[in-house]
Amino acid sequence: MTTTSSINWSEKTVLITGGTGSFGRKLSEVLLREYRPKKLIIFSRDELKQHQMRMKGYDLPNVRFFIGDVRDEERLRRAFYDVDIVVHAAALKQIPVAEYNPFEAIKTNVLGAANVISAAIDLGVNKVIALSTDKAANPINLYGATKLCSDKLFIAGNAYSGDRPTRFSVVRYGNVLGSRGSVVPFFLTERSRGILPITDPRMTRFWITLDQGVRFVIACLERMHGGETFVPKLPSMRILDLAEAIAPGCPTKVVGIRPGEKLHEVMIPSDVSRHTIEFQTYYMIQPNFHWWDSNNGHGGKPCPDGFEYSSDSNDHWLTTGEMVEMVSSLKLDADEAPAQ
């Protein structure tokens, strides 16, 4: 299937940092099946995962596997040669790991972001889009703090690039259903033991599927001018409703909120509402640059001062039936390979 697009993907070379992760594999699958770029480069530091991707159907003439780490700017410069589009998905994202290994999280999430920016500008990459997280909005843990720093580096990268063609934007979204280390796989495991640990019965979260996240990133690559932070409109769900969807009737046990965890997630803090434009399916946080063209927000409407996009005050909530349907698709997503 070929998708109508404003980007002529058949002439573009795309590189994905963290390309062997959950997001990178799904993005690779969708790009190869529907957009067919001239070349797709999988950049990651894990040779085993690269081998596994090859064995699952990604060993194709237009796919290259590149071993490297975003901490190594020289290696990034080699990888970015003749690349048109970079999707930066590499990160250390486990909250407890970041808390106990703070220097390592900073090296990858902050200094790695700076390396990607410098290499992209120097090598003439046209578009760079970086994946963020709801944890970066008003962060209370180190992981969120590193991603907020990364977001600001990428947005500022547009000023840093000067008159060079490289443009940077950020995509921020909520919890990815079924991603490694998330609550859904944990609940799926714990239900066999007959009880689900609940941190707090009041807790709410935004939810997005891996496929939805990938397609939102691709759409943002097409609409970006450089400097925007894109936030999709997502449904929320209460943790107790999630537990009921995954393990109907299973007893729960309240174990308390973990260190660095929030009761509710915020993707757009009220402090940036004055810079936020609302569209039908997403929000766009505009950069505070003197050169930013207000017409870049054409088709949207300014959010009212004090607006906050939070999972507990959302107007779209998932039902248990909808969550059951989403969870049932996880096995299919994990097993899919690029269609030829």
C-alpha atoms as a PDB file:
ATOM      1  CA  MET A   1       0.000   0.000   0.000  1.00  0.00           C
ATOM      2  CA  THR A   2       1.317   3.461  -0.918  1.00  0.00           C
ATOM      3  CA  THR A   3       0.240   6.407   1.248  1.00  0.00           C
ATOM      4  CA  THR A   4      -0.335   9.921  -0.124  1.00  0.00           C
ATOM      5  CA  SER A   5       2.313  12.170   1.382  1.00  0.00           C
ATOM      6  CA  SER A   6       3.819  15.646   1.152  1.00  0.00           C
ATOM      7  CA  ILE A   7       7.272  14.053   1.450  1.00  0.00           C
ATOM      8  CA  ASN A   8       8.637  12.136  -1.516  1.00  0.00           C
ATOM      9  CA  TRP A   9       9.771   9.216   0.620  1.00  0.00           C
ATOM     10  CA  SER A  10      11.129   7.261  -2.339  1.00  0.00           C
ATOM     11  CA  GLU A  11      13.899   9.855  -2.568  1.00  0.00           C
ATOM     12  CA  LYS A  12      14.609  10.105   1.160  1.00  0.00           C
ATOM     13  CA  THR A  13      17.092   8.362   3.426  1.00  0.00           C
ATOM     14  CA  VAL A  14      15.685   7.931   6.928  1.00  0.00           C
ATOM     15  CA  LEU A  15      17.667   7.086  10.062  1.00  0.00           C
ATOM     16  CA  ILE A  16      16.130   5.946  13.358  1.00  0.00           C
ATOM     17  CA  THR A  17      18.210   6.182  16.531  1.00  0.00           C
ATOM     18  CA  GLY A  18      17.176   3.475  18.945  1.00  0.00           C
ATOM     19  CA  GLY A  19      15.909   1.717  15.856  1.00  0.00           C
ATOM     20  CA  THR A  20      15.718  -1.746  17.436  1.00  0.00           C
ATOM     21  CA  GLY A  21      13.390  -0.647  20.253  1.00  0.00           C
ATOM     22  CA  SER A  22       9.612  -1.127  20.226  1.00  0.00           C
ATOM     23  CA  PHE A  23       8.981   2.208  18.523  1.00  0.00           C
ATOM     24  CA  GLY A  24      11.854   1.828  16.061  1.00  0.00           C
ATOM     25  CA  ARG A  25      10.688  -1.589  14.899  1.00  0.00           C
ATOM     26  CA  LYS A  26       7.101  -0.438  14.389  1.00  0.00           C
ATOM     27  CA  LEU A  27       8.206   2.731  12.582  1.00  0.00           C
ATOM     28  CA  SER A  28      10.468   0.649  10.336  1.00  0.00           C
ATOM     29  CA  GLU A  29       7.599  -1.698   9.563  1.00  0.00           C
ATOM     30  CA  VAL A  30       5.182   1.106   8.623  1.00  0.00           C
ATOM     31  CA  LEU A  31       7.748   3.049   6.576  1.00  0.00           C
ATOM     32  CA  LEU A  32       8.862  -0.004   4.605  1.00  0.00           C
ATOM     33  CA  ARG A  33       5.337  -1.253   3.931  1.00  0.00           C
ATOM     34  CA  GLU A  34       3.528   2.015   3.195  1.00  0.00           C
ATOM     35  CA  TYR A  35       6.089   4.761   2.397  1.00  0.00           C
ATOM     36  CA  ARG A  36       9.045   2.867   0.901  1.00  0.00           C
ATOM     37  CA  PRO A  37      11.958   5.232   1.554  1.00  0.00           C
ATOM     38  CA  LYS A  38      15.035   5.107  -0.640  1.00  0.00           C
ATOM     39  CA  LYS A  39      17.043   3.898   2.357  1.00  0.00           C
ATOM     40  CA  LEU A  40      16.246   3.122   5.984  1.00  0.00           C
ATOM     41  CA  ILE A  41      19.085   3.081   8.537  1.00  0.00           C
ATOM     42  CA  ILE A  42      18.608   1.331  11.877  1.00  0.00           C
ATOM     43  CA  PHE A  43      21.014   2.940  14.347  1.00  0.00           C
ATOM     44  CA  SER A  44      21.379   1.195  17.718  1.00  0.00           C
ATOM     45  CA  ARG A  45      23.992  -0.218  20.067  1.00  0.00           C
ATOM     46  CA  ASP A  46      22.546  -3.744  20.409  1.00  0.00           C
ATOM     47  CA  GLU A  47      23.932  -6.195  17.849  1.00  0.00           C
ATOM     48  CA  LEU A  48      21.613  -9.009  19.009  1.00  0.00           C
ATOM     49  CA  LYS A  49      18.472  -6.949  18.438  1.00  0.00           C
ATOM     50  CA  GLN A  50      19.751  -5.925  15.018  1.00  0.00           C
ATOM     51  CA  HIS A  51      20.293  -9.588  14.183  1.00  0.00           C
ATOM     52  CA  GLN A  52      16.780 -10.401  15.390  1.00  0.00           C
ATOM     53  CA  MET A  53      15.328  -7.658  13.165  1.00  0.00           C
ATOM     54  CA  ARG A  54      17.177  -9.085  10.159  1.00  0.00           C
ATOM     55  CA  MET A  55      15.776 -12.535  10.905  1.00  0.00           C
ATOM     56  CA  LYS A  56      12.217 -11.136  11.101  1.00  0.00           C
ATOM     57  CA  GLY A  57      12.192  -9.825   7.553  1.00  0.00           C
ATOM     58  CA  TYR A  58      14.119  -6.563   7.712  1.00  0.00           C
ATOM     59  CA  ASP A  59      17.161  -7.807   5.789  1.00  0.00           C
ATOM     60  CA  LEU A  60      16.146  -5.849   2.686  1.00  0.00           C
ATOM     61  CA  PRO A  61      18.116  -4.071  -0.082  1.00  0.00           C
ATOM     62  CA  ASN A  62      17.119  -0.592   1.168  1.00  0.00           C
ATOM     63  CA  VAL A  63      17.726  -1.297   4.889  1.00  0.00           C
ATOM     64  CA  ARG A  64      21.069  -0.727   6.616  1.00  0.00           C
ATOM     65  CA  PHE A  65      21.991  -1.664  10.184  1.00  0.00           C
ATOM     66  CA  PHE A  66      24.435   0.645  11.916  1.00  0.00           C
ATOM     67  CA  ILE A  67      25.975  -0.194  15.302  1.00  0.00           C
ATOM     68  CA  GLY A  68      26.536   2.934  17.352  1.00  0.00           C
ATOM     69  CA  ASP A  69      25.628   4.925  20.443  1.00  0.00           C
ATOM     70  CA  VAL A  70      24.208   8.464  20.553  1.00  0.00           C
ATOM     71  CA  ARG A  71      26.865   9.203  23.187  1.00  0.00           C
ATOM     72  CA  ASP A  72      29.467   8.906  20.402  1.00  0.00           C
ATOM     73  CA  GLU A  73      29.218  12.044  18.262  1.00  0.00           C
ATOM     74  CA  GLU A  74      31.901  10.876  15.824  1.00  0.00           C
ATOM     75  CA  ARG A  75      29.912   7.715  15.110  1.00  0.00           C
ATOM     76  CA  LEU A  76      26.739   9.774  14.613  1.00  0.00           C
ATOM     77  CA  ARG A  77      28.535  11.936  12.070  1.00  0.00           C
ATOM     78  CA  ARG A  78      29.480   8.830  10.124  1.00  0.00           C
ATOM     79  CA  ALA A  79      25.928   7.482  10.312  1.00  0.00           C
ATOM     80  CA  PHE A  80      24.248  10.798   9.316  1.00  0.00           C
ATOM     81  CA  TYR A  81      26.165  11.126   6.055  1.00  0.00           C
ATOM     82  CA  ASP A  82      23.671  11.721   3.200  1.00  0.00           C
ATOM     83  CA  VAL A  83      20.669  11.271   5.551  1.00  0.00           C
ATOM     84  CA  ASP A  84      17.560  13.398   4.953  1.00  0.00           C
ATOM     85  CA  ILE A  85      15.383  12.585   7.985  1.00  0.00           C
ATOM     86  CA  VAL A  86      16.306  11.498  11.518  1.00  0.00           C
ATOM     87  CA  VAL A  87      13.826  10.162  14.062  1.00  0.00           C
ATOM     88  CA  HIS A  88      15.489  10.253  17.464  1.00  0.00           C
ATOM     89  CA  ALA A  89      14.012   7.489  19.627  1.00  0.00           C
ATOM     90  CA  ALA A  90      17.111   6.387  21.579  1.00  0.00           C
ATOM     91  CA  ALA A  91      16.833   6.929  25.331  1.00  0.00           C
ATOM     92  CA  LEU A  92      17.231   5.398  28.752  1.00  0.00           C
ATOM     93  CA  LYS A  93      13.583   5.501  29.804  1.00  0.00           C
ATOM     94  CA  GLN A  94      13.103   3.291  32.852  1.00  0.00           C
ATOM     95  CA  ILE A  95      12.375   5.619  35.776  1.00  0.00           C
ATOM     96  CA  PRO A  96      14.030   3.478  38.523  1.00  0.00           C
ATOM     97  CA  VAL A  97      17.102   2.900  36.333  1.00  0.00           C
ATOM     98  CA  ALA A  98      17.505   6.639  35.802  1.00  0.00           C
ATOM     99  CA  GLU A  99      17.100   7.335  39.532  1.00  0.00           C
ATOM    100  CA  TYR A 100      19.855   4.892  40.476  1.00  0.00           C
ATOM    101  CA  ASN A 101      22.109   5.623  37.483  1.00  0.00           C
ATOM    102  CA  PRO A 102      21.640   9.381  36.990  1.00  0.00           C
ATOM    103  CA  PHE A 103      24.917  10.047  35.219  1.00  0.00           C
ATOM    104  CA  GLU A 104      24.197   7.326  32.665  1.00  0.00           C
ATOM    105  CA  ALA A 105      20.719   8.752  31.971  1.00  0.00           C
ATOM    106  CA  ILE A 106      22.200  12.224  31.455  1.00  0.00           C
ATOM    107  CA  LYS A 107      24.901  10.897  29.116  1.00  0.00           C
ATOM    108  CA  THR A 108      22.323   9.226  26.864  1.00  0.00           C
ATOM    109  CA  ASN A 109      19.248  11.441  27.140  1.00  0.00           C
ATOM    110  CA  VAL A 110      20.874  14.877  27.384  1.00  0.00           C
ATOM    111  CA  LEU A 111      24.396  14.672  25.980  1.00  0.00           C
ATOM    112  CA  GLY A 112      23.192  12.175  23.372  1.00  0.00           C
ATOM    113  CA  ALA A 113      20.541  14.681  22.271  1.00  0.00           C
ATOM    114  CA  ALA A 114      23.216  17.380  21.948  1.00  0.00           C
ATOM    115  CA  ASN A 115      25.311  15.009  19.817  1.00  0.00           C
ATOM    116  CA  VAL A 116      22.367  14.270  17.518  1.00  0.00           C
ATOM    117  CA  ILE A 117      21.731  18.009  17.080  1.00  0.00           C
ATOM    118  CA  SER A 118      25.345  18.865  16.280  1.00  0.00           C
ATOM    119  CA  ALA A 119      25.827  15.950  13.896  1.00  0.00           C
ATOM    120  CA  ALA A 120      22.543  16.665  12.085  1.00  0.00           C
ATOM    121  CA  ILE A 121      23.431  20.333  11.536  1.00  0.00           C
ATOM    122  CA  ASP A 122      26.993  19.619  10.414  1.00  0.00           C
ATOM    123  CA  LEU A 123      25.942  16.826   8.031  1.00  0.00           C
ATOM    124  CA  GLY A 124      23.007  18.765   6.542  1.00  0.00           C
ATOM    125  CA  VAL A 125      20.147  16.536   7.689  1.00  0.00           C
ATOM    126  CA  ASN A 126      16.894  18.194   6.598  1.00  0.00           C
ATOM    127  CA  LYS A 127      14.450  17.158   9.337  1.00  0.00           C
ATOM    128  CA  VAL A 128      14.934  15.787  12.853  1.00  0.00           C
ATOM    129  CA  ILE A 129      12.050  14.813  15.091  1.00  0.00           C
ATOM    130  CA  ALA A 130      12.697  13.739  18.669  1.00  0.00           C
ATOM    131  CA  LEU A 131      10.446  11.567  20.819  1.00  0.00           C
ATOM    132  CA  SER A 132       9.535  13.033  24.161  1.00  0.00           C
ATOM    133  CA  THR A 133       7.264  11.831  26.980  1.00  0.00           C
ATOM    134  CA  ASP A 134       4.542  13.109  29.259  1.00  0.00           C
ATOM    135  CA  LYS A 135       7.112  12.730  32.062  1.00  0.00           C
ATOM    136  CA  ALA A 136       8.932  15.767  30.591  1.00  0.00           C
ATOM    137  CA  ALA A 137       6.065  18.141  31.482  1.00  0.00           C
ATOM    138  CA  ASN A 138       6.590  19.415  35.043  1.00  0.00           C
ATOM    139  CA  PRO A 139       8.998  16.527  35.751  1.00  0.00           C
ATOM    140  CA  ILE A 140       9.349  15.053  39.231  1.00  0.00           C
ATOM    141  CA  ASN A 141      11.847  12.298  38.384  1.00  0.00           C
ATOM    142  CA  LEU A 142      15.245  12.292  36.734  1.00  0.00           C
ATOM    143  CA  TYR A 143      14.038  10.588  33.575  1.00  0.00           C
ATOM    144  CA  GLY A 144      11.438  13.322  33.035  1.00  0.00           C
ATOM    145  CA  ALA A 145      14.021  16.000  33.800  1.00  0.00           C
ATOM    146  CA  THR A 146      16.456  14.605  31.227  1.00  0.00           C
ATOM    147  CA  LYS A 147      13.717  14.464  28.594  1.00  0.00           C
ATOM    148  CA  LEU A 148      12.630  18.047  29.350  1.00  0.00           C
ATOM    149  CA  CYS A 149      16.245  19.105  28.894  1.00  0.00           C
ATOM    150  CA  SER A 150      16.400  17.110  25.660  1.00  0.00           C
ATOM    151  CA  ASP A 151      13.186  18.751  24.395  1.00  0.00           C
ATOM    152  CA  LYS A 152      14.575  22.217  25.025  1.00  0.00           C
ATOM    153  CA  LEU A 153      17.838  21.328  23.300  1.00  0.00           C
ATOM    154  CA  PHE A 154      16.012  20.158  20.180  1.00  0.00           C
ATOM    155  CA  ILE A 155      13.761  23.216  20.031  1.00  0.00           C
ATOM    156  CA  ALA A 156      16.759  25.523  20.528  1.00  0.00           C
ATOM    157  CA  GLY A 157      18.590  23.554  17.837  1.00  0.00           C
ATOM    158  CA  ASN A 158      16.589  25.522  15.262  1.00  0.00           C
ATOM    159  CA  ALA A 159      18.314  28.734  16.356  1.00  0.00           C
ATOM    160  CA  TYR A 160      21.643  26.931  16.671  1.00  0.00           C
ATOM    161  CA  SER A 161      21.448  25.764  13.044  1.00  0.00           C
ATOM    162  CA  GLY A 162      21.363  29.350  11.781  1.00  0.00           C
ATOM    163  CA  ASP A 163      21.002  29.542   8.012  1.00  0.00           C
ATOM    164  CA  ARG A 164      21.621  25.813   7.555  1.00  0.00           C
ATOM    165  CA  PRO A 165      18.669  23.696   6.377  1.00  0.00           C
ATOM    166  CA  THR A 166      18.311  21.447   9.441  1.00  0.00           C
ATOM    167  CA  ARG A 167      15.041  21.800  11.356  1.00  0.00           C
ATOM    168  CA  PHE A 168      14.097  20.159  14.662  1.00  0.00           C
ATOM    169  CA  SER A 169      10.726  19.361  16.243  1.00  0.00           C
ATOM    170  CA  VAL A 170       9.516  17.278  19.183  1.00  0.00           C
ATOM    171  CA  VAL A 171       6.639  14.822  19.620  1.00  0.00           C
ATOM    172  CA  ARG A 172       5.301  14.279  23.139  1.00  0.00           C
ATOM    173  CA  TYR A 173       2.744  11.611  24.000  1.00  0.00           C
ATOM    174  CA  GLY A 174       1.547   9.423  26.876  1.00  0.00           C
ATOM    175  CA  ASN A 175       1.986   5.812  27.911  1.00  0.00           C
ATOM    176  CA  VAL A 176       2.463   3.417  25.010  1.00  0.00           C
ATOM    177  CA  LEU A 177       0.258   0.386  25.417  1.00  0.00           C
ATOM    178  CA  GLY A 178       2.383  -2.719  25.937  1.00  0.00           C
ATOM    179  CA  SER A 179       5.789  -1.032  25.789  1.00  0.00           C
ATOM    180  CA  ARG A 180       8.558  -2.706  27.753  1.00  0.00           C
ATOM    181  CA  GLY A 181       8.392  -1.966  31.479  1.00  0.00           C
ATOM    182  CA  SER A 182       4.868  -0.487  31.316  1.00  0.00           C
ATOM    183  CA  VAL A 183       1.934  -1.457  33.516  1.00  0.00           C
ATOM    184  CA  VAL A 184      -0.018  -3.468  30.910  1.00  0.00           C
ATOM    185  CA  PRO A 185       2.559  -6.298  30.480  1.00  0.00           C
ATOM    186  CA  PHE A 186       3.007  -6.216  34.274  1.00  0.00           C
ATOM    187  CA  PHE A 187      -0.735  -6.690  34.847  1.00  0.00           C
ATOM    188  CA  LEU A 188      -0.854  -9.447  32.227  1.00  0.00           C
ATOM    189  CA  THR A 189       1.813 -11.301  34.218  1.00  0.00           C
ATOM    190  CA  GLU A 190       0.389 -10.593  37.670  1.00  0.00           C
ATOM    191  CA  ARG A 191      -3.167 -11.686  36.873  1.00  0.00           C
ATOM    192  CA  SER A 192      -2.010 -15.317  36.774  1.00  0.00           C
ATOM    193  CA  ARG A 193      -1.037 -14.925  40.438  1.00  0.00           C
ATOM    194  CA  GLY A 194      -4.555 -13.896  41.389  1.00  0.00           C
ATOM    195  CA  ILE A 195      -3.964 -10.319  42.592  1.00  0.00           C
ATOM    196  CA  LEU A 196      -3.048  -7.037  40.915  1.00  0.00           C
ATOM    197  CA  PRO A 197      -0.842  -4.502  42.746  1.00  0.00           C
ATOM    198  CA  ILE A 198      -2.341  -0.995  42.390  1.00  0.00           C
ATOM    199  CA  THR A 199      -0.232   2.032  43.259  1.00  0.00           C
ATOM    200  CA  ASP A 200      -3.189   4.354  43.907  1.00  0.00           C
ATOM    201  CA  PRO A 201      -6.862   3.831  42.973  1.00  0.00           C
ATOM    202  CA  ARG A 202      -7.181   7.507  41.936  1.00  0.00           C
ATOM    203  CA  MET A 203      -4.395   7.269  39.346  1.00  0.00           C
ATOM    204  CA  THR A 204      -5.090   8.167  35.698  1.00  0.00           C
ATOM    205  CA  ARG A 205      -2.964   7.926  32.564  1.00  0.00           C
ATOM    206  CA  PHE A 206      -3.046   8.887  28.880  1.00  0.00           C
ATOM    207  CA  TRP A 207      -2.864   5.904  26.500  1.00  0.00           C
ATOM    208  CA  ILE A 208      -1.683   5.461  22.916  1.00  0.00           C
ATOM    209  CA  THR A 209      -0.944   2.361  20.856  1.00  0.00           C
ATOM    210  CA  LEU A 210       2.430   1.848  19.221  1.00  0.00           C
ATOM    211  CA  ASP A 211       0.854   2.078  15.764  1.00  0.00           C
ATOM    212  CA  GLN A 212      -0.883   5.349  16.647  1.00  0.00           C
ATOM    213  CA  GLY A 213       2.359   6.787  17.998  1.00  0.00           C
ATOM    214  CA  VAL A 214       4.273   5.870  14.856  1.00  0.00           C
ATOM    215  CA  ARG A 215       1.663   7.351  12.535  1.00  0.00           C
ATOM    216  CA  PHE A 216       1.515  10.548  14.578  1.00  0.00           C
ATOM    217  CA  VAL A 217       5.290  10.960  14.276  1.00  0.00           C
ATOM    218  CA  ILE A 218       5.132  10.450  10.502  1.00  0.00           C
ATOM    219  CA  ALA A 219       2.319  13.028  10.237  1.00  0.00           C
ATOM    220  CA  CYS A 220       4.361  15.498  12.295  1.00  0.00           C
ATOM    221  CA  LEU A 221       7.384  14.993  10.038  1.00  0.00           C
ATOM    222  CA  GLU A 222       5.190  16.135   7.167  1.00  0.00           C
ATOM    223  CA  ARG A 223       3.670  19.163   8.912  1.00  0.00           C
ATOM    224  CA  MET A 224       6.692  20.437  10.901  1.00  0.00           C
ATOM    225  CA  HIS A 225       8.361  23.780  10.189  1.00  0.00           C
ATOM    226  CA  GLY A 226      10.903  23.425  12.991  1.00  0.00           C
ATOM    227  CA  GLY A 227      10.509  24.404  16.631  1.00  0.00           C
ATOM    228  CA  GLU A 228       7.114  22.857  17.382  1.00  0.00           C
ATOM    229  CA  THR A 229       6.269  20.412  20.145  1.00  0.00           C
ATOM    230  CA  PHE A 230       3.396  18.237  18.909  1.00  0.00           C
ATOM    231  CA  VAL A 231       1.020  16.602  21.408  1.00  0.00           C
ATOM    232  CA  PRO A 232      -1.712  14.218  20.191  1.00  0.00           C
ATOM    233  CA  LYS A 233      -5.171  14.233  21.726  1.00  0.00           C
ATOM    234  CA  LEU A 234      -5.354  10.938  23.614  1.00  0.00           C
ATOM    235  CA  PRO A 235      -7.882   9.125  25.779  1.00  0.00           C
ATOM    236  CA  SER A 236      -7.368   8.723  29.507  1.00  0.00           C
ATOM    237  CA  MET A 237      -8.118   5.748  31.714  1.00  0.00           C
ATOM    238  CA  ARG A 238      -8.314   5.176  35.460  1.00  0.00           C
ATOM    239  CA  ILE A 239      -5.941   2.551  36.809  1.00  0.00           C
ATOM    240  CA  LEU A 240      -8.812   0.573  38.362  1.00  0.00           C
ATOM    241  CA  ASP A 241     -10.642   0.459  35.015  1.00  0.00           C
ATOM    242  CA  LEU A 242      -7.408  -0.723  33.384  1.00  0.00           C
ATOM    243  CA  ALA A 243      -7.103  -3.501  35.962  1.00  0.00           C
ATOM    244  CA  GLU A 244     -10.706  -4.568  35.326  1.00  0.00           C
ATOM    245  CA  ALA A 245     -10.119  -4.626  31.555  1.00  0.00           C
ATOM    246  CA  ILE A 246      -7.030  -6.837  31.864  1.00  0.00           C
ATOM    247  CA  ALA A 247      -8.145  -9.096  34.715  1.00  0.00           C
ATOM    248  CA  PRO A 248     -11.938  -8.916  35.222  1.00  0.00           C
ATOM    249  CA  GLY A 249     -12.911  -9.614  38.821  1.00  0.00           C
ATOM    250  CA  CYS A 250      -9.303 -10.058  39.959  1.00  0.00           C
ATOM    251  CA  PRO A 251      -8.647  -8.710  43.487  1.00  0.00           C
ATOM    252  CA  THR A 252      -6.375  -5.665  43.768  1.00  0.00           C
ATOM    253  CA  LYS A 253      -3.944  -4.545  46.451  1.00  0.00           C
ATOM    254  CA  VAL A 254      -2.919  -0.911  46.978  1.00  0.00           C
ATOM    255  CA  VAL A 255       0.877  -0.746  47.282  1.00  0.00           C
ATOM    256  CA  GLY A 256       1.446   3.022  47.111  1.00  0.00           C
ATOM    257  CA  ILE A 257       2.922   5.356  44.501  1.00  0.00           C
ATOM    258  CA  ARG A 258       6.500   4.551  43.589  1.00  0.00           C
ATOM    259  CA  PRO A 259       9.291   7.154  43.894  1.00  0.00           C
ATOM    260  CA  GLY A 260       9.183   9.581  40.976  1.00  0.00           C
ATOM    261  CA  GLU A 261       5.641   8.612  39.972  1.00  0.00           C
ATOM    262  CA  LYS A 262       2.722  11.031  39.506  1.00  0.00           C
ATOM    263  CA  LEU A 263      -0.924  10.568  40.397  1.00  0.00           C
ATOM    264  CA  HIS A 264      -1.962  12.095  37.057  1.00  0.00           C
ATOM    265  CA  GLU A 265       0.019  12.864  33.922  1.00  0.00           C
ATOM    266  CA  VAL A 266       0.261  16.308  32.319  1.00  0.00           C
ATOM    267  CA  MET A 267       1.327  16.731  28.696  1.00  0.00           C
ATOM    268  CA  ILE A 268       0.775  20.494  28.409  1.00  0.00           C
ATOM    269  CA  PRO A 269       1.411  22.499  31.595  1.00  0.00           C
ATOM    270  CA  SER A 270      -0.651  25.654  32.146  1.00  0.00           C
ATOM    271  CA  ASP A 271       2.525  27.741  31.960  1.00  0.00           C
ATOM    272  CA  VAL A 272       2.840  27.105  28.205  1.00  0.00           C
ATOM    273  CA  SER A 273      -0.864  27.447  27.361  1.00  0.00           C
ATOM    274  CA  ARG A 274      -0.300  30.917  25.900  1.00  0.00           C
ATOM    275  CA  HIS A 275       1.971  29.345  23.275  1.00  0.00           C
ATOM    276  CA  THR A 276      -0.318  26.398  22.483  1.00  0.00           C
ATOM    277  CA  ILE A 277      -2.550  25.994  19.433  1.00  0.00           C
ATOM    278  CA  GLU A 278      -5.342  23.427  19.346  1.00  0.00           C
ATOM    279  CA  PHE A 279      -6.154  21.430  16.223  1.00  0.00           C
ATOM    280  CA  GLN A 280      -8.769  18.749  15.696  1.00  0.00           C
ATOM    281  CA  THR A 281      -6.566  15.807  16.655  1.00  0.00           C
ATOM    282  CA  TYR A 282      -3.535  17.390  18.310  1.00  0.00           C
ATOM    283  CA  TYR A 283      -2.022  20.384  20.071  1.00  0.00           C
ATOM    284  CA  MET A 284       1.029  22.322  18.928  1.00  0.00           C
ATOM    285  CA  ILE A 285       3.229  24.168  21.408  1.00  0.00           C
ATOM    286  CA  GLN A 286       4.882  26.982  19.491  1.00  0.00           C
ATOM    287  CA  PRO A 287       8.471  28.041  20.173  1.00  0.00           C
ATOM    288  CA  ASN A 288       9.239  31.446  21.639  1.00  0.00           C
ATOM    289  CA  PHE A 289      11.451  32.561  18.744  1.00  0.00           C
ATOM    290  CA  HIS A 290      11.389  36.005  17.115  1.00  0.00           C
ATOM    291  CA  TRP A 291      11.552  34.372  13.683  1.00  0.00           C
ATOM    292  CA  TRP A 292       8.613  32.029  14.294  1.00  0.00           C
ATOM    293  CA  ASP A 293       5.826  32.675  11.776  1.00  0.00           C
ATOM    294  CA  SER A 294       2.428  32.763  13.478  1.00  0.00           C
ATOM    295  CA  ASN A 295       0.925  31.468  10.239  1.00  0.00           C
ATOM    296  CA  ASN A 296       2.520  28.108  11.047  1.00  0.00           C
ATOM    297  CA  GLY A 297      -0.437  27.613  13.370  1.00  0.00           C
ATOM    298  CA  HIS A 298      -2.967  28.240  10.609  1.00  0.00           C
ATOM    299  CA  GLY A 299      -6.071  26.109  11.001  1.00  0.00           C
ATOM    300  CA  GLY A 300      -5.810  25.886  14.771  1.00  0.00           C
ATOM    301  CA  LYS A 301      -7.158  28.002  17.617  1.00  0.00           C
ATOM    302  CA  PRO A 302      -5.207  29.421  20.567  1.00  0.00           C
ATOM    303  CA  CYS A 303      -5.750  27.642  23.874  1.00  0.00           C
ATOM    304  CA  PRO A 304      -7.126  29.808  26.679  1.00  0.00           C
ATOM    305  CA  ASP A 305      -4.662  31.184  29.194  1.00  0.00           C
ATOM    306  CA  GLY A 306      -4.252  28.701  32.043  1.00  0.00           C
ATOM    307  CA  PHE A 307      -5.263  25.680  29.940  1.00  0.00           C
ATOM    308  CA  GLU A 308      -3.682  22.411  31.092  1.00  0.00           C
ATOM    309  CA  TYR A 309      -3.834  19.077  29.277  1.00  0.00           C
ATOM    310  CA  SER A 310      -3.946  16.527  32.095  1.00  0.00           C
ATOM    311  CA  SER A 311      -5.070  12.896  32.230  1.00  0.00           C
ATOM    312  CA  ASP A 312      -7.526  13.526  35.089  1.00  0.00           C
ATOM    313  CA  SER A 313      -9.380  16.418  33.417  1.00  0.00           C
ATOM    314  CA  ASN A 314      -9.528  14.900  29.948  1.00  0.00           C
ATOM    315  CA  ASP A 315     -12.828  14.866  28.014  1.00  0.00           C
ATOM    316  CA  HIS A 316     -12.026  11.523  26.315  1.00  0.00           C
ATOM    317  CA  TRP A 317     -11.992   8.360  28.442  1.00  0.00           C
ATOM    318  CA  LEU A 318     -11.383   4.770  27.399  1.00  0.00           C
ATOM    319  CA  THR A 319     -14.004   2.189  28.327  1.00  0.00           C
ATOM    320  CA  THR A 320     -12.962  -1.225  29.612  1.00  0.00           C
ATOM    321  CA  GLY A 321     -14.250  -2.713  26.341  1.00  0.00           C
ATOM    322  CA  GLU A 322     -12.038  -0.420  24.270  1.00  0.00           C
ATOM    323  CA  MET A 323      -9.013  -1.280  26.402  1.00  0.00           C
ATOM    324  CA  VAL A 324      -9.730  -5.020  26.066  1.00  0.00           C
ATOM    325  CA  GLU A 325      -9.730  -4.587  22.287  1.00  0.00           C
ATOM    326  CA  MET A 326      -6.461  -2.624  22.381  1.00  0.00           C
ATOM    327  CA  VAL A 327      -4.741  -5.196  24.607  1.00  0.00           C
ATOM    328  CA  SER A 328      -5.878  -8.053  22.356  1.00  0.00           C
ATOM    329  CA  SER A 329      -3.940  -6.470  19.465  1.00  0.00           C
ATOM    330  CA  LEU A 330      -0.615  -6.430  21.322  1.00  0.00           C
ATOM    331  CA  LYS A 331       0.451  -9.945  20.291  1.00  0.00           C
ATOM    332  CA  LEU A 332      -0.282  -9.144  16.653  1.00  0.00           C
ATOM    333  CA  ASP A 333       1.766  -5.939  16.792  1.00  0.00           C
ATOM    334  CA  ALA A 334       4.718  -7.736  18.362  1.00  0.00           C
ATOM    335  CA  ASP A 335       4.789 -10.419  15.689  1.00  0.00           C
ATOM    336  CA  GLU A 336       4.264  -8.291  12.592  1.00  0.00           C
ATOM    337  CA  ALA A 337       7.082  -8.051  10.071  1.00  0.00           C
ATOM    338  CA  PRO A 338       7.387  -5.655   7.123  1.00  0.00           C
ATOM    339  CA  ALA A 339       5.003  -6.606   4.328  1.00  0.00           C
ATOM    340  CA  GLN A 340       6.646  -6.925   0.944  1.00  0.00           C
END
